[in-house]
Structure formats: C-alpha cells, structure tokens
C-alpha atoms as a PDB file:
ATOM      1  CA  MET A   1     -22.769 -16.305 -17.264  1.00  0.00           C
ATOM      2  CA  GLY A   2     -20.830 -19.242 -17.724  1.00  0.00           C
ATOM      3  CA  PHE A   3     -18.086 -21.517 -15.557  1.00  0.00           C
ATOM      4  CA  ASP A   4     -15.113 -19.193 -17.719  1.00  0.00           C
ATOM      5  CA  GLN A   5     -17.341 -15.802 -16.376  1.00  0.00           C
ATOM      6  CA  ASN A   6     -17.482 -17.419 -13.562  1.00  0.00           C
ATOM      7  CA  PHE A   7     -14.158 -18.150 -12.839  1.00  0.00           C
ATOM      8  CA  ILE A   8     -12.738 -15.076 -13.967  1.00  0.00           C
ATOM      9  CA  TYR A   9     -14.177 -13.159 -11.559  1.00  0.00           C
ATOM     10  CA  GLY A  10     -13.713 -15.347  -8.821  1.00  0.00           C
ATOM     11  CA  CYS A  11      -9.989 -15.164  -9.548  1.00  0.00           C
ATOM     12  CA  SER A  12     -10.043 -11.543  -9.517  1.00  0.00           C
ATOM     13  CA  ALA A  13     -11.437 -11.952  -6.024  1.00  0.00           C
ATOM     14  CA  ILE A  14      -8.697 -13.428  -4.970  1.00  0.00           C
ATOM     15  CA  GLY A  15      -6.130 -11.570  -6.650  1.00  0.00           C
ATOM     16  CA  ALA A  16      -7.578  -8.106  -5.193  1.00  0.00           C
ATOM     17  CA  GLY A  17      -7.487 -10.069  -1.840  1.00  0.00           C
ATOM     18  CA  LEU A  18      -3.766 -10.533  -2.354  1.00  0.00           C
ATOM     19  CA  ALA A  19      -3.183  -6.800  -3.910  1.00  0.00           C
ATOM     20  CA  LEU A  20      -4.454  -5.649  -0.664  1.00  0.00           C
ATOM     21  CA  ILE A  21      -1.197  -7.461   1.398  1.00  0.00           C
ATOM     22  CA  ALA A  22       0.605  -4.685  -0.066  1.00  0.00           C
ATOM     23  CA  GLY A  23      -0.738  -2.443   2.437  1.00  0.00           C
ATOM     24  CA  VAL A  24       1.514  -4.655   4.804  1.00  0.00           C
ATOM     25  CA  GLY A  25       4.931  -3.686   4.292  1.00  0.00           C
ATOM     26  CA  PRO A  26       4.295  -0.157   4.120  1.00  0.00           C
ATOM     27  CA  GLY A  27       2.542   0.056   7.261  1.00  0.00           C
ATOM     28  CA  VAL A  28       5.631  -1.877   8.822  1.00  0.00           C
ATOM     29  CA  GLY A  29       8.336   0.394   6.864  1.00  0.00           C
ATOM     30  CA  GLN A  30       6.849   3.584   7.984  1.00  0.00           C
ATOM     31  CA  GLY A  31       5.881   2.469  12.024  1.00  0.00           C
ATOM     32  CA  ILE A  32      10.135   1.679  11.805  1.00  0.00           C
ATOM     33  CA  ALA A  33      11.011   5.188  10.102  1.00  0.00           C
ATOM     34  CA  ALA A  34       8.684   6.907  12.884  1.00  0.00           C
ATOM     35  CA  GLY A  35      10.374   5.441  15.947  1.00  0.00           C
ATOM     36  CA  HIS A  36      14.103   5.890  14.236  1.00  0.00           C
ATOM     37  CA  ALA A  37      12.931   9.245  13.941  1.00  0.00           C
ATOM     38  CA  ALA A  38      11.465   9.414  17.351  1.00  0.00           C
ATOM     39  CA  ALA A  39      14.639   8.141  18.914  1.00  0.00           C
ATOM     40  CA  ALA A  40      17.047  10.563  16.515  1.00  0.00           C
ATOM     41  CA  VAL A  41      14.425  13.674  17.946  1.00  0.00           C
ATOM     42  CA  GLY A  42      15.530  12.117  21.954  1.00  0.00           C
ATOM     43  CA  ARG A  43      19.339  12.162  20.287  1.00  0.00           C
ATOM     44  CA  ASN A  44      19.738  15.663  19.286  1.00  0.00           C
ATOM     45  CA  PRO A  45      16.394  17.724  19.800  1.00  0.00           C
ATOM     46  CA  GLY A  46      18.388  20.370  17.995  1.00  0.00           C
ATOM     47  CA  ALA A  47      17.733  18.705  14.744  1.00  0.00           C
ATOM     48  CA  LYS A  48      14.393  17.847  14.904  1.00  0.00           C
ATOM     49  CA  GLY A  49      13.131  19.638  11.885  1.00  0.00           C
ATOM     50  CA  ASP A  50      15.501  17.471   9.474  1.00  0.00           C
ATOM     51  CA  ILE A  51      14.874  14.831  11.038  1.00  0.00           C
ATOM     52  CA  THR A  52      11.092  15.667  10.996  1.00  0.00           C
ATOM     53  CA  SER A  53      11.050  16.540   6.650  1.00  0.00           C
ATOM     54  CA  THR A  54      13.464  13.494   6.375  1.00  0.00           C
ATOM     55  CA  MET A  55      11.038  11.235   7.801  1.00  0.00           C
ATOM     56  CA  LEU A  56       8.001  12.538   6.087  1.00  0.00           C
ATOM     57  CA  LEU A  57       9.452  12.348   2.757  1.00  0.00           C
ATOM     58  CA  GLY A  58      10.425   8.631   3.296  1.00  0.00           C
ATOM     59  CA  GLN A  59       7.200   7.829   4.644  1.00  0.00           C
ATOM     60  CA  ALA A  60       5.693   9.307   1.737  1.00  0.00           C
ATOM     61  CA  VAL A  61       7.417   7.233  -1.087  1.00  0.00           C
ATOM     62  CA  ALA A  62       6.683   4.246   1.085  1.00  0.00           C
ATOM     63  CA  GLU A  63       3.154   4.976   1.104  1.00  0.00           C
ATOM     64  CA  THR A  64       3.142   4.491  -2.574  1.00  0.00           C
ATOM     65  CA  THR A  65       3.100   1.005  -2.533  1.00  0.00           C
ATOM     66  CA  GLY A  66       0.176   0.751  -0.302  1.00  0.00           C
ATOM     67  CA  LEU A  67      -1.187   3.021  -2.934  1.00  0.00           C
ATOM     68  CA  TYR A  68      -1.007   0.772  -6.017  1.00  0.00           C
ATOM     69  CA  GLY A  69      -1.747  -2.638  -4.403  1.00  0.00           C
ATOM     70  CA  LEU A  70      -4.964  -0.671  -3.532  1.00  0.00           C
ATOM     71  CA  LEU A  71      -5.304   0.513  -7.469  1.00  0.00           C
ATOM     72  CA  VAL A  72      -4.591  -2.959  -8.683  1.00  0.00           C
ATOM     73  CA  ALA A  73      -7.106  -4.620  -6.129  1.00  0.00           C
ATOM     74  CA  MET A  74      -9.703  -1.453  -7.051  1.00  0.00           C
ATOM     75  CA  LEU A  75      -9.748  -2.720 -10.820  1.00  0.00           C
ATOM     76  CA  LEU A  76      -9.980  -6.168 -10.049  1.00  0.00           C
ATOM     77  CA  MET A  77     -13.214  -6.269  -8.277  1.00  0.00           C
ATOM     78  CA  PHE A  78     -14.692  -3.411 -10.679  1.00  0.00           C
ATOM     79  CA  VAL A  79     -13.001  -3.719 -14.065  1.00  0.00           C
ATOM     80  CA  LYS A  80     -14.868  -6.370 -15.844  1.00  0.00           C
ATOM     81  CA  PRO A  81     -12.791  -6.726 -19.049  1.00  0.00           C
ATOM     82  CA  PHE A  82     -14.770 -10.008 -20.287  1.00  0.00           C
ATOM     83  CA  LYS A  83     -17.871  -8.909 -19.289  1.00  0.00           C
ATOM     84  CA  ALA A  84     -21.383  -9.785 -22.395  1.00  0.00           C
ATOM     85  CA  ALA A  85     -22.475  -6.360 -23.958  1.00  0.00           C
END
C-alpha cells in the first residue's frame, strides 16, 4: 500500500465525516416544523389531523437529505475503488 492509496483512504474518511454534517440540517428543520405544528394545533385544535399529516409528510421529505448524507458516508468508508485485487 503506497502513499497514494493511503492518501485516498484518508480523503475518503474526511469526506465521510463531512457528508455526515448533512444530518444537522434535517434535524434543525424537523424541530422547527414540529414547533410550528404544535403552535398551530394550539391555535386551532380542530385541525389537528390535517396539521399532523402535513407536518409528517414535510418531515419525511426533509429526512431524505440526512439519509443521502449517510449513504454517501457509508459508500466513502466501505467501498474502496482503488484497492489492489
């Protein structure tokens, strides 16, 4: 294993760590959405079902960003394209 291979592995590890930062955005966004939904239910309790279903759909869409970041990180850590056969 030469210098070039070790460098590629190191860059893969750094890239995986940076890809996991993508989990911060969905966490913050989902927290804000849940807070606003709770406030909306407090103002209009009769619309609880509609508010909850809309909030959950929005959170599911926001979570895909975090899952894509996790997928990229796992690919960078466990798939070694330049590994000698």
